[in-house]
Amino acid sequence: MTEPAAAPGETAAISATASQDAARVQSTDLLRGNRELLIQHHGDTYRLRLTSNDKLILTK
């Protein structure tokens, strides 16, 4: 698997380090058999939805 390209002004080394430090969870653990999950963040509600094509979509 390849690492994503670094953002403009960001070095590849920083991008790779951030990826290694990020927490990783399985979508099945988050969704627990459901097709959507509501996430509260700073007073706003976001919806994480599993589509019929097995893709994830996060909307506000």
N, C-alpha and C. Protein backbone atom coordinates (compact mmCIF):
# COMPACT_ATOMS: atom_id res chain seq x y z
N MET A 1 0.85 -1.18 0.00
CA MET A 1 0.00 0.00 0.00
C MET A 1 0.89 1.23 0.00
N THR A 2 0.54 2.25 -0.75
CA THR A 2 1.35 3.46 -0.84
C THR A 2 0.80 4.53 0.07
N GLU A 3 1.68 5.40 0.52
CA GLU A 3 1.29 6.53 1.35
C GLU A 3 0.70 7.63 0.46
N PRO A 4 -0.28 8.39 0.97
CA PRO A 4 -0.81 9.51 0.18
C PRO A 4 0.26 10.56 -0.06
N ALA A 5 0.11 11.31 -1.13
CA ALA A 5 1.06 12.37 -1.46
C ALA A 5 1.00 13.46 -0.40
N ALA A 6 2.11 14.08 -0.14
CA ALA A 6 2.17 15.17 0.83
C ALA A 6 1.44 16.39 0.28
N ALA A 7 0.81 17.13 1.16
CA ALA A 7 0.12 18.36 0.78
C ALA A 7 1.16 19.39 0.36
N PRO A 8 0.76 20.39 -0.43
CA PRO A 8 1.71 21.44 -0.81
C PRO A 8 2.34 22.06 0.42
N GLY A 9 3.65 22.19 0.39
CA GLY A 9 4.37 22.76 1.52
C GLY A 9 4.68 21.78 2.62
N GLU A 10 4.21 20.54 2.51
CA GLU A 10 4.46 19.51 3.52
C GLU A 10 5.43 18.49 2.96
N THR A 11 6.37 18.08 3.77
CA THR A 11 7.33 17.09 3.27
C THR A 11 6.75 15.69 3.40
N ALA A 12 7.21 14.77 2.58
CA ALA A 12 6.74 13.39 2.60
C ALA A 12 7.05 12.74 3.94
N ALA A 13 8.19 13.08 4.56
CA ALA A 13 8.57 12.49 5.85
C ALA A 13 7.56 12.84 6.93
N ILE A 14 7.09 14.08 6.95
CA ILE A 14 6.10 14.49 7.94
C ILE A 14 4.80 13.75 7.68
N SER A 15 4.39 13.64 6.44
CA SER A 15 3.15 12.95 6.10
C SER A 15 3.20 11.49 6.52
N ALA A 16 4.32 10.81 6.29
CA ALA A 16 4.46 9.40 6.66
C ALA A 16 4.42 9.24 8.17
N THR A 17 5.07 10.14 8.91
CA THR A 17 5.06 10.06 10.37
C THR A 17 3.66 10.24 10.91
N ALA A 18 2.91 11.19 10.38
CA ALA A 18 1.54 11.42 10.84
C ALA A 18 0.68 10.18 10.59
N SER A 19 0.86 9.51 9.48
CA SER A 19 0.09 8.32 9.17
C SER A 19 0.39 7.20 10.16
N GLN A 20 1.64 7.07 10.56
CA GLN A 20 2.02 6.03 11.51
C GLN A 20 1.46 6.31 12.90
N ASP A 21 1.30 7.56 13.27
CA ASP A 21 0.82 7.93 14.60
C ASP A 21 -0.70 7.94 14.70
N ALA A 22 -1.40 7.94 13.59
CA ALA A 22 -2.86 8.03 13.61
C ALA A 22 -3.48 6.73 14.14
N ALA A 23 -4.54 6.86 14.94
CA ALA A 23 -5.28 5.69 15.42
C ALA A 23 -6.01 5.06 14.24
N ARG A 24 -6.09 3.74 14.24
CA ARG A 24 -6.76 3.03 13.15
C ARG A 24 -7.85 2.15 13.75
N VAL A 25 -9.07 2.29 13.25
CA VAL A 25 -10.20 1.45 13.69
C VAL A 25 -10.88 0.87 12.46
N GLN A 26 -11.52 -0.24 12.62
CA GLN A 26 -12.28 -0.86 11.54
C GLN A 26 -13.65 -0.21 11.46
N SER A 27 -14.13 0.04 10.25
CA SER A 27 -15.45 0.64 10.07
C SER A 27 -16.54 -0.24 10.68
N THR A 28 -16.36 -1.55 10.63
CA THR A 28 -17.35 -2.46 11.22
C THR A 28 -17.44 -2.28 12.73
N ASP A 29 -16.32 -1.94 13.37
CA ASP A 29 -16.34 -1.67 14.81
C ASP A 29 -17.10 -0.39 15.12
N LEU A 30 -17.00 0.60 14.25
CA LEU A 30 -17.73 1.86 14.45
C LEU A 30 -19.22 1.69 14.17
N LEU A 31 -19.54 1.06 13.07
CA LEU A 31 -20.93 0.96 12.64
C LEU A 31 -21.72 -0.12 13.38
N ARG A 32 -21.04 -1.15 13.88
CA ARG A 32 -21.66 -2.24 14.65
C ARG A 32 -22.89 -2.82 13.95
N GLY A 33 -22.77 -3.10 12.67
CA GLY A 33 -23.87 -3.71 11.92
C GLY A 33 -24.89 -2.73 11.38
N ASN A 34 -24.77 -1.46 11.72
CA ASN A 34 -25.69 -0.43 11.21
C ASN A 34 -25.13 0.15 9.92
N ARG A 35 -25.95 0.89 9.19
CA ARG A 35 -25.51 1.51 7.94
C ARG A 35 -25.11 2.97 8.14
N GLU A 36 -25.39 3.54 9.33
CA GLU A 36 -24.96 4.90 9.59
C GLU A 36 -24.69 5.13 11.06
N LEU A 37 -23.89 6.16 11.30
CA LEU A 37 -23.46 6.51 12.64
C LEU A 37 -23.48 8.03 12.76
N LEU A 38 -24.01 8.54 13.86
CA LEU A 38 -24.00 9.98 14.10
C LEU A 38 -22.83 10.30 15.03
N ILE A 39 -22.07 11.32 14.67
CA ILE A 39 -20.88 11.71 15.41
C ILE A 39 -21.04 13.16 15.88
N GLN A 40 -20.91 13.40 17.18
CA GLN A 40 -20.96 14.75 17.74
C GLN A 40 -19.54 15.30 17.77
N HIS A 41 -19.37 16.52 17.25
CA HIS A 41 -18.05 17.17 17.24
C HIS A 41 -18.23 18.66 17.39
N HIS A 42 -17.76 19.20 18.49
CA HIS A 42 -17.85 20.64 18.77
C HIS A 42 -19.27 21.17 18.59
N GLY A 43 -20.25 20.44 19.08
CA GLY A 43 -21.64 20.89 19.01
C GLY A 43 -22.33 20.62 17.69
N ASP A 44 -21.63 20.12 16.70
CA ASP A 44 -22.23 19.78 15.41
C ASP A 44 -22.39 18.26 15.31
N THR A 45 -23.38 17.84 14.52
CA THR A 45 -23.61 16.42 14.28
C THR A 45 -23.20 16.07 12.87
N TYR A 46 -22.38 15.05 12.74
CA TYR A 46 -21.94 14.54 11.45
C TYR A 46 -22.51 13.14 11.27
N ARG A 47 -22.79 12.77 10.03
CA ARG A 47 -23.35 11.47 9.71
C ARG A 47 -22.35 10.68 8.88
N LEU A 48 -21.93 9.52 9.39
CA LEU A 48 -21.08 8.60 8.65
C LEU A 48 -21.99 7.51 8.11
N ARG A 49 -22.05 7.41 6.78
CA ARG A 49 -23.00 6.49 6.15
C ARG A 49 -22.27 5.50 5.25
N LEU A 50 -22.72 4.25 5.32
CA LEU A 50 -22.22 3.19 4.44
C LEU A 50 -23.17 3.10 3.26
N THR A 51 -22.66 3.31 2.05
CA THR A 51 -23.50 3.32 0.86
C THR A 51 -23.77 1.91 0.37
N SER A 52 -24.67 1.78 -0.60
CA SER A 52 -24.98 0.49 -1.20
C SER A 52 -23.79 -0.06 -1.99
N ASN A 53 -22.83 0.83 -2.36
CA ASN A 53 -21.61 0.40 -3.04
C ASN A 53 -20.47 0.13 -2.07
N ASP A 54 -20.80 0.04 -0.79
CA ASP A 54 -19.83 -0.26 0.27
C ASP A 54 -18.76 0.83 0.42
N LYS A 55 -19.14 2.08 0.20
CA LYS A 55 -18.25 3.23 0.39
C LYS A 55 -18.73 3.97 1.64
N LEU A 56 -17.82 4.73 2.26
CA LEU A 56 -18.19 5.55 3.41
C LEU A 56 -18.31 7.01 2.98
N ILE A 57 -19.35 7.67 3.49
CA ILE A 57 -19.57 9.09 3.22
C ILE A 57 -19.79 9.79 4.57
N LEU A 58 -19.03 10.87 4.81
CA LEU A 58 -19.20 11.67 6.02
C LEU A 58 -19.79 13.01 5.62
N THR A 59 -20.95 13.35 6.20
CA THR A 59 -21.59 14.63 5.89
C THR A 59 -21.93 15.35 7.18
N LYS A 60 -22.06 16.66 7.07
CA LYS A 60 -22.44 17.49 8.21
C LYS A 60 -23.92 17.74 8.18
